[in-house]
């Protein structure tokens, strides 16, 4: 698993599209109860992601496929500016 910390989520819809187009699993880590949720198949996890974005909070995401990594890095480097 590859861990990515996204500090800001200015465009949730763009991030959602990246998640949907990912080859592997995209898992959201919830530190409150130390659980992991599949963002591709869990609508509650996507709601949580939107809530965090509205608060200006970051999230911790795990990727199962290394080839998805650069899409998320590009998002964090350029789309979050």
PDB file of N, CA and C in Angstrom:
ATOM      1  N   UNK A   1       0.837  -1.178   0.000  1.00  0.00           N
ATOM      2  CA  UNK A   1       0.000   0.000   0.000  1.00  0.00           C
ATOM      3  C   UNK A   1       0.884   1.244   0.000  1.00  0.00           C
ATOM      4  N   UNK A   2       0.450   2.223  -0.743  1.00  0.00           N
ATOM      5  CA  UNK A   2       1.153   3.495  -0.822  1.00  0.00           C
ATOM      6  C   UNK A   2       0.304   4.543  -0.108  1.00  0.00           C
ATOM      7  N   UNK A   3       0.908   5.263   0.818  1.00  0.00           N
ATOM      8  CA  UNK A   3       0.189   6.260   1.600  1.00  0.00           C
ATOM      9  C   UNK A   3       0.400   7.651   1.012  1.00  0.00           C
ATOM     10  N   UNK A   4      -0.700   8.400   0.883  1.00  0.00           N
ATOM     11  CA  UNK A   4      -0.644   9.782   0.410  1.00  0.00           C
ATOM     12  C   UNK A   4      -1.445  10.634   1.381  1.00  0.00           C
ATOM     13  N   UNK A   5      -0.884  11.742   1.776  1.00  0.00           N
ATOM     14  CA  UNK A   5      -1.584  12.704   2.631  1.00  0.00           C
ATOM     15  C   UNK A   5      -1.974  13.890   1.755  1.00  0.00           C
ATOM     16  N   UNK A   6      -3.264  14.131   1.634  1.00  0.00           N
ATOM     17  CA  UNK A   6      -3.762  15.262   0.868  1.00  0.00           C
ATOM     18  C   UNK A   6      -4.179  16.313   1.883  1.00  0.00           C
ATOM     19  N   UNK A   7      -3.454  17.426   1.908  1.00  0.00           N
ATOM     20  CA  UNK A   7      -3.660  18.436   2.931  1.00  0.00           C
ATOM     21  C   UNK A   7      -4.865  19.329   2.659  1.00  0.00           C
ATOM     22  N   UNK A   8      -5.131  19.608   1.389  1.00  0.00           N
ATOM     23  CA  UNK A   8      -6.274  20.437   1.023  1.00  0.00           C
ATOM     24  C   UNK A   8      -7.048  19.755  -0.089  1.00  0.00           C
ATOM     25  N   UNK A   9      -8.366  19.944  -0.072  1.00  0.00           N
ATOM     26  CA  UNK A   9      -9.212  19.356  -1.110  1.00  0.00           C
ATOM     27  C   UNK A   9     -10.089  20.473  -1.686  1.00  0.00           C
ATOM     28  N   UNK A  10      -9.533  21.272  -2.586  1.00  0.00           N
ATOM     29  CA  UNK A  10     -10.306  22.389  -3.121  1.00  0.00           C
ATOM     30  C   UNK A  10     -11.370  21.959  -4.125  1.00  0.00           C
ATOM     31  N   UNK A  11     -11.136  20.844  -4.799  1.00  0.00           N
ATOM     32  CA  UNK A  11     -12.056  20.391  -5.831  1.00  0.00           C
ATOM     33  C   UNK A  11     -12.387  18.921  -5.582  1.00  0.00           C
ATOM     34  N   UNK A  12     -13.444  18.685  -4.826  1.00  0.00           N
ATOM     35  CA  UNK A  12     -13.822  17.327  -4.447  1.00  0.00           C
ATOM     36  C   UNK A  12     -14.240  16.510  -5.669  1.00  0.00           C
ATOM     37  N   UNK A  13     -14.925  17.134  -6.601  1.00  0.00           N
ATOM     38  CA  UNK A  13     -15.383  16.409  -7.790  1.00  0.00           C
ATOM     39  C   UNK A  13     -14.205  15.911  -8.625  1.00  0.00           C
ATOM     40  N   UNK A  14     -13.165  16.719  -8.737  1.00  0.00           N
ATOM     41  CA  UNK A  14     -11.973  16.282  -9.480  1.00  0.00           C
ATOM     42  C   UNK A  14     -11.288  15.117  -8.757  1.00  0.00           C
ATOM     43  N   UNK A  15     -11.194  15.212  -7.442  1.00  0.00           N
ATOM     44  CA  UNK A  15     -10.597  14.120  -6.672  1.00  0.00           C
ATOM     45  C   UNK A  15     -11.446  12.865  -6.798  1.00  0.00           C
ATOM     46  N   UNK A  16     -12.761  13.023  -6.767  1.00  0.00           N
ATOM     47  CA  UNK A  16     -13.662  11.883  -6.921  1.00  0.00           C
ATOM     48  C   UNK A  16     -13.457  11.207  -8.271  1.00  0.00           C
ATOM     49  N   UNK A  17     -13.253  11.990  -9.323  1.00  0.00           N
ATOM     50  CA  UNK A  17     -13.009  11.436 -10.658  1.00  0.00           C
ATOM     51  C   UNK A  17     -11.692  10.653 -10.701  1.00  0.00           C
ATOM     52  N   UNK A  18     -10.661  11.196 -10.046  1.00  0.00           N
ATOM     53  CA  UNK A  18      -9.370  10.494  -9.978  1.00  0.00           C
ATOM     54  C   UNK A  18      -9.540   9.161  -9.253  1.00  0.00           C
ATOM     55  N   UNK A  19     -10.314   9.175  -8.169  1.00  0.00           N
ATOM     56  CA  UNK A  19     -10.565   7.952  -7.408  1.00  0.00           C
ATOM     57  C   UNK A  19     -11.274   6.917  -8.285  1.00  0.00           C
ATOM     58  N   UNK A  20     -12.323   7.355  -8.982  1.00  0.00           N
ATOM     59  CA  UNK A  20     -13.097   6.441  -9.833  1.00  0.00           C
ATOM     60  C   UNK A  20     -12.252   5.854 -10.965  1.00  0.00           C
ATOM     61  N   UNK A  21     -11.303   6.616 -11.497  1.00  0.00           N
ATOM     62  CA  UNK A  21     -10.481   6.171 -12.618  1.00  0.00           C
ATOM     63  C   UNK A  21      -9.250   5.376 -12.183  1.00  0.00           C
ATOM     64  N   UNK A  22      -9.041   5.256 -10.902  1.00  0.00           N
ATOM     65  CA  UNK A  22      -7.874   4.523 -10.407  1.00  0.00           C
ATOM     66  C   UNK A  22      -7.983   3.043 -10.745  1.00  0.00           C
ATOM     67  N   UNK A  23      -6.837   2.448 -11.011  1.00  0.00           N
ATOM     68  CA  UNK A  23      -6.784   1.024 -11.362  1.00  0.00           C
ATOM     69  C   UNK A  23      -7.004   0.132 -10.143  1.00  0.00           C
ATOM     70  N   UNK A  24      -6.459   0.534  -9.031  1.00  0.00           N
ATOM     71  CA  UNK A  24      -6.558  -0.292  -7.826  1.00  0.00           C
ATOM     72  C   UNK A  24      -7.490   0.301  -6.795  1.00  0.00           C
ATOM     73  N   UNK A  25      -7.382  -0.209  -5.588  1.00  0.00           N
ATOM     74  CA  UNK A  25      -8.192   0.274  -4.476  1.00  0.00           C
ATOM     75  C   UNK A  25      -7.678   1.627  -4.008  1.00  0.00           C
ATOM     76  N   UNK A  26      -8.606   2.480  -3.576  1.00  0.00           N
ATOM     77  CA  UNK A  26      -8.280   3.765  -2.976  1.00  0.00           C
ATOM     78  C   UNK A  26      -8.974   3.772  -1.618  1.00  0.00           C
ATOM     79  N   UNK A  27      -8.179   3.723  -0.583  1.00  0.00           N
ATOM     80  CA  UNK A  27      -8.708   3.561   0.764  1.00  0.00           C
ATOM     81  C   UNK A  27      -8.515   4.827   1.583  1.00  0.00           C
ATOM     82  N   UNK A  28      -9.552   5.218   2.288  1.00  0.00           N
ATOM     83  CA  UNK A  28      -9.519   6.391   3.155  1.00  0.00           C
ATOM     84  C   UNK A  28      -9.312   5.938   4.583  1.00  0.00           C
ATOM     85  N   UNK A  29      -8.291   6.485   5.233  1.00  0.00           N
ATOM     86  CA  UNK A  29      -8.014   6.162   6.634  1.00  0.00           C
ATOM     87  C   UNK A  29      -8.719   7.181   7.513  1.00  0.00           C
ATOM     88  N   UNK A  30      -9.553   6.712   8.429  1.00  0.00           N
ATOM     89  CA  UNK A  30     -10.232   7.583   9.381  1.00  0.00           C
ATOM     90  C   UNK A  30      -9.526   7.477  10.727  1.00  0.00           C
ATOM     91  N   UNK A  31      -8.803   8.515  11.116  1.00  0.00           N
ATOM     92  CA  UNK A  31      -8.018   8.441  12.349  1.00  0.00           C
ATOM     93  C   UNK A  31      -8.866   8.405  13.615  1.00  0.00           C
ATOM     94  N   UNK A  32     -10.101   8.899  13.544  1.00  0.00           N
ATOM     95  CA  UNK A  32     -10.957   8.932  14.736  1.00  0.00           C
ATOM     96  C   UNK A  32     -11.155   7.551  15.334  1.00  0.00           C
ATOM     97  N   UNK A  33     -11.471   6.591  14.472  1.00  0.00           N
ATOM     98  CA  UNK A  33     -11.702   5.227  14.964  1.00  0.00           C
ATOM     99  C   UNK A  33     -10.732   4.224  14.339  1.00  0.00           C
ATOM    100  N   UNK A  34      -9.687   4.751  13.687  1.00  0.00           N
ATOM    101  CA  UNK A  34      -8.620   3.939  13.094  1.00  0.00           C
ATOM    102  C   UNK A  34      -9.166   2.876  12.136  1.00  0.00           C
ATOM    103  N   UNK A  35     -10.094   3.279  11.263  1.00  0.00           N
ATOM    104  CA  UNK A  35     -10.646   2.365  10.272  1.00  0.00           C
ATOM    105  C   UNK A  35     -10.250   2.819   8.875  1.00  0.00           C
ATOM    106  N   UNK A  36     -10.403   1.912   7.916  1.00  0.00           N
ATOM    107  CA  UNK A  36     -10.080   2.187   6.522  1.00  0.00           C
ATOM    108  C   UNK A  36     -11.314   1.859   5.693  1.00  0.00           C
ATOM    109  N   UNK A  37     -11.658   2.760   4.763  1.00  0.00           N
ATOM    110  CA  UNK A  37     -12.853   2.580   3.934  1.00  0.00           C
ATOM    111  C   UNK A  37     -12.493   2.720   2.459  1.00  0.00           C
ATOM    112  N   UNK A  38     -13.129   1.931   1.634  1.00  0.00           N
ATOM    113  CA  UNK A  38     -12.901   1.924   0.194  1.00  0.00           C
ATOM    114  C   UNK A  38     -13.645   3.093  -0.447  1.00  0.00           C
ATOM    115  N   UNK A  39     -12.913   4.075  -0.954  1.00  0.00           N
ATOM    116  CA  UNK A  39     -13.535   5.253  -1.546  1.00  0.00           C
ATOM    117  C   UNK A  39     -14.224   4.960  -2.876  1.00  0.00           C
ATOM    118  N   UNK A  40     -13.837   3.896  -3.532  1.00  0.00           N
ATOM    119  CA  UNK A  40     -14.468   3.568  -4.819  1.00  0.00           C
ATOM    120  C   UNK A  40     -15.843   2.929  -4.636  1.00  0.00           C
ATOM    121  N   UNK A  41     -16.073   2.298  -3.510  1.00  0.00           N
ATOM    122  CA  UNK A  41     -17.310   1.536  -3.327  1.00  0.00           C
ATOM    123  C   UNK A  41     -18.098   1.894  -2.068  1.00  0.00           C
ATOM    124  N   UNK A  42     -17.695   2.923  -1.365  1.00  0.00           N
ATOM    125  CA  UNK A  42     -18.342   3.255  -0.099  1.00  0.00           C
ATOM    126  C   UNK A  42     -18.817   4.707  -0.135  1.00  0.00           C
ATOM    127  N   UNK A  43     -20.112   4.901  -0.313  1.00  0.00           N
ATOM    128  CA  UNK A  43     -20.663   6.250  -0.423  1.00  0.00           C
ATOM    129  C   UNK A  43     -20.513   7.033   0.878  1.00  0.00           C
ATOM    130  N   UNK A  44     -20.507   6.339   2.016  1.00  0.00           N
ATOM    131  CA  UNK A  44     -20.325   7.017   3.305  1.00  0.00           C
ATOM    132  C   UNK A  44     -18.910   7.597   3.398  1.00  0.00           C
ATOM    133  N   UNK A  45     -17.931   6.857   2.914  1.00  0.00           N
ATOM    134  CA  UNK A  45     -16.552   7.349   2.919  1.00  0.00           C
ATOM    135  C   UNK A  45     -16.424   8.575   2.015  1.00  0.00           C
ATOM    136  N   UNK A  46     -17.117   8.563   0.878  1.00  0.00           N
ATOM    137  CA  UNK A  46     -17.085   9.731  -0.009  1.00  0.00           C
ATOM    138  C   UNK A  46     -17.737  10.936   0.666  1.00  0.00           C
ATOM    139  N   UNK A  47     -18.803  10.724   1.412  1.00  0.00           N
ATOM    140  CA  UNK A  47     -19.446  11.808   2.163  1.00  0.00           C
ATOM    141  C   UNK A  47     -18.474  12.388   3.181  1.00  0.00           C
ATOM    142  N   UNK A  48     -17.744  11.505   3.865  1.00  0.00           N
ATOM    143  CA  UNK A  48     -16.765  11.950   4.843  1.00  0.00           C
ATOM    144  C   UNK A  48     -15.688  12.791   4.160  1.00  0.00           C
ATOM    145  N   UNK A  49     -15.268  12.354   2.989  1.00  0.00           N
ATOM    146  CA  UNK A  49     -14.263  13.084   2.225  1.00  0.00           C
ATOM    147  C   UNK A  49     -14.766  14.491   1.899  1.00  0.00           C
ATOM    148  N   UNK A  50     -16.017  14.609   1.494  1.00  0.00           N
ATOM    149  CA  UNK A  50     -16.608  15.912   1.191  1.00  0.00           C
ATOM    150  C   UNK A  50     -16.695  16.788   2.446  1.00  0.00           C
ATOM    151  N   UNK A  51     -17.009  16.189   3.583  1.00  0.00           N
ATOM    152  CA  UNK A  51     -17.068  16.943   4.836  1.00  0.00           C
ATOM    153  C   UNK A  51     -15.696  17.493   5.194  1.00  0.00           C
ATOM    154  N   UNK A  52     -14.683  16.655   5.065  1.00  0.00           N
ATOM    155  CA  UNK A  52     -13.324  17.092   5.370  1.00  0.00           C
ATOM    156  C   UNK A  52     -12.917  18.231   4.442  1.00  0.00           C
ATOM    157  N   UNK A  53     -13.310  18.154   3.179  1.00  0.00           N
ATOM    158  CA  UNK A  53     -12.980  19.193   2.213  1.00  0.00           C
ATOM    159  C   UNK A  53     -13.646  20.510   2.590  1.00  0.00           C
ATOM    160  N   UNK A  54     -14.888  20.443   3.031  1.00  0.00           N
ATOM    161  CA  UNK A  54     -15.609  21.669   3.383  1.00  0.00           C
ATOM    162  C   UNK A  54     -15.004  22.336   4.619  1.00  0.00           C
ATOM    163  N   UNK A  55     -14.343  21.563   5.459  1.00  0.00           N
ATOM    164  CA  UNK A  55     -13.702  22.104   6.662  1.00  0.00           C
ATOM    165  C   UNK A  55     -12.264  22.547   6.394  1.00  0.00           C
ATOM    166  N   UNK A  56     -11.771  22.275   5.189  1.00  0.00           N
ATOM    167  CA  UNK A  56     -10.390  22.614   4.872  1.00  0.00           C
ATOM    168  C   UNK A  56      -9.386  21.655   5.474  1.00  0.00           C
ATOM    169  N   UNK A  57      -9.855  20.474   5.860  1.00  0.00           N
ATOM    170  CA  UNK A  57      -8.985  19.472   6.483  1.00  0.00           C
ATOM    171  C   UNK A  57      -8.384  18.538   5.438  1.00  0.00           C
ATOM    172  N   UNK A  58      -7.271  17.943   5.777  1.00  0.00           N
ATOM    173  CA  UNK A  58      -6.644  16.972   4.900  1.00  0.00           C
ATOM    174  C   UNK A  58      -7.109  15.562   5.198  1.00  0.00           C
ATOM    175  N   UNK A  59      -6.726  14.640   4.318  1.00  0.00           N
ATOM    176  CA  UNK A  59      -7.080  13.235   4.488  1.00  0.00           C
ATOM    177  C   UNK A  59      -5.861  12.369   4.191  1.00  0.00           C
ATOM    178  N   UNK A  60      -5.903  11.161   4.705  1.00  0.00           N
ATOM    179  CA  UNK A  60      -4.866  10.160   4.460  1.00  0.00           C
ATOM    180  C   UNK A  60      -5.476   9.072   3.591  1.00  0.00           C
ATOM    181  N   UNK A  61      -4.867   8.849   2.435  1.00  0.00           N
ATOM    182  CA  UNK A  61      -5.375   7.880   1.464  1.00  0.00           C
ATOM    183  C   UNK A  61      -4.292   6.833   1.204  1.00  0.00           C
ATOM    184  N   UNK A  62      -4.734   5.589   1.047  1.00  0.00           N
ATOM    185  CA  UNK A  62      -3.833   4.494   0.694  1.00  0.00           C
ATOM    186  C   UNK A  62      -4.210   3.965  -0.683  1.00  0.00           C
ATOM    187  N   UNK A  63      -3.203   3.725  -1.509  1.00  0.00           N
ATOM    188  CA  UNK A  63      -3.406   3.199  -2.857  1.00  0.00           C
ATOM    189  C   UNK A  63      -2.836   1.794  -2.944  1.00  0.00           C
ATOM    190  N   UNK A  64      -3.568   0.897  -3.606  1.00  0.00           N
ATOM    191  CA  UNK A  64      -3.076  -0.476  -3.757  1.00  0.00           C
ATOM    192  C   UNK A  64      -2.215  -0.633  -5.008  1.00  0.00           C
ATOM    193  N   UNK A  65      -2.356   0.272  -5.963  1.00  0.00           N
ATOM    194  CA  UNK A  65      -1.599   0.186  -7.224  1.00  0.00           C
ATOM    195  C   UNK A  65      -0.632   1.358  -7.352  1.00  0.00           C
ATOM    196  N   UNK A  66       0.633   1.045  -7.556  1.00  0.00           N
ATOM    197  CA  UNK A  66       1.648   2.088  -7.696  1.00  0.00           C
ATOM    198  C   UNK A  66       1.389   2.986  -8.903  1.00  0.00           C
ATOM    199  N   UNK A  67       0.775   2.447  -9.958  1.00  0.00           N
ATOM    200  CA  UNK A  67       0.549   3.259 -11.157  1.00  0.00           C
ATOM    201  C   UNK A  67      -0.483   4.366 -10.931  1.00  0.00           C
ATOM    202  N   UNK A  68      -1.251   4.311  -9.857  1.00  0.00           N
ATOM    203  CA  UNK A  68      -2.204   5.374  -9.526  1.00  0.00           C
ATOM    204  C   UNK A  68      -1.544   6.533  -8.775  1.00  0.00           C
ATOM    205  N   UNK A  69      -0.376   6.299  -8.261  1.00  0.00           N
ATOM    206  CA  UNK A  69       0.306   7.251  -7.398  1.00  0.00           C
ATOM    207  C   UNK A  69       0.470   8.632  -8.036  1.00  0.00           C
ATOM    208  N   UNK A  70       0.930   8.690  -9.266  1.00  0.00           N
ATOM    209  CA  UNK A  70       1.253   9.974  -9.881  1.00  0.00           C
ATOM    210  C   UNK A  70       0.020  10.833 -10.152  1.00  0.00           C
ATOM    211  N   UNK A  71      -1.135  10.210 -10.364  1.00  0.00           N
ATOM    212  CA  UNK A  71      -2.375  10.992 -10.519  1.00  0.00           C
ATOM    213  C   UNK A  71      -2.670  11.769  -9.238  1.00  0.00           C
ATOM    214  N   UNK A  72      -2.491  11.115  -8.112  1.00  0.00           N
ATOM    215  CA  UNK A  72      -2.768  11.758  -6.832  1.00  0.00           C
ATOM    216  C   UNK A  72      -1.693  12.780  -6.488  1.00  0.00           C
ATOM    217  N   UNK A  73      -0.443  12.494  -6.803  1.00  0.00           N
ATOM    218  CA  UNK A  73       0.618  13.453  -6.576  1.00  0.00           C
ATOM    219  C   UNK A  73       0.404  14.704  -7.411  1.00  0.00           C
ATOM    220  N   UNK A  74       0.013  14.527  -8.665  1.00  0.00           N
ATOM    221  CA  UNK A  74      -0.271  15.664  -9.529  1.00  0.00           C
ATOM    222  C   UNK A  74      -1.404  16.500  -8.926  1.00  0.00           C
ATOM    223  N   UNK A  75      -2.449  15.838  -8.458  1.00  0.00           N
ATOM    224  CA  UNK A  75      -3.563  16.539  -7.826  1.00  0.00           C
ATOM    225  C   UNK A  75      -3.077  17.352  -6.612  1.00  0.00           C
ATOM    226  N   UNK A  76      -2.282  16.734  -5.753  1.00  0.00           N
ATOM    227  CA  UNK A  76      -1.835  17.426  -4.539  1.00  0.00           C
ATOM    228  C   UNK A  76      -0.860  18.557  -4.850  1.00  0.00           C
ATOM    229  N   UNK A  77      -0.074  18.414  -5.924  1.00  0.00           N
ATOM    230  CA  UNK A  77       0.935  19.433  -6.244  1.00  0.00           C
ATOM    231  C   UNK A  77       0.351  20.605  -7.024  1.00  0.00           C
ATOM    232  N   UNK A  78      -0.558  20.327  -7.961  1.00  0.00           N
ATOM    233  CA  UNK A  78      -0.995  21.379  -8.876  1.00  0.00           C
ATOM    234  C   UNK A  78      -2.454  21.772  -8.712  1.00  0.00           C
ATOM    235  N   UNK A  79      -3.320  20.857  -8.443  1.00  0.00           N
ATOM    236  CA  UNK A  79      -4.744  21.178  -8.348  1.00  0.00           C
ATOM    237  C   UNK A  79      -5.104  21.770  -7.001  1.00  0.00           C
ATOM    238  N   UNK A  80      -4.242  21.627  -6.031  1.00  0.00           N
ATOM    239  CA  UNK A  80      -4.527  22.159  -4.703  1.00  0.00           C
ATOM    240  C   UNK A  80      -3.970  23.564  -4.510  1.00  0.00           C
ATOM    241  N   UNK A  81      -3.307  24.105  -5.506  1.00  0.00           N
ATOM    242  CA  UNK A  81      -2.735  25.462  -5.378  1.00  0.00           C
ATOM    243  C   UNK A  81      -3.775  26.511  -5.548  1.00  0.00           C
TER     244      UNK A  81
END
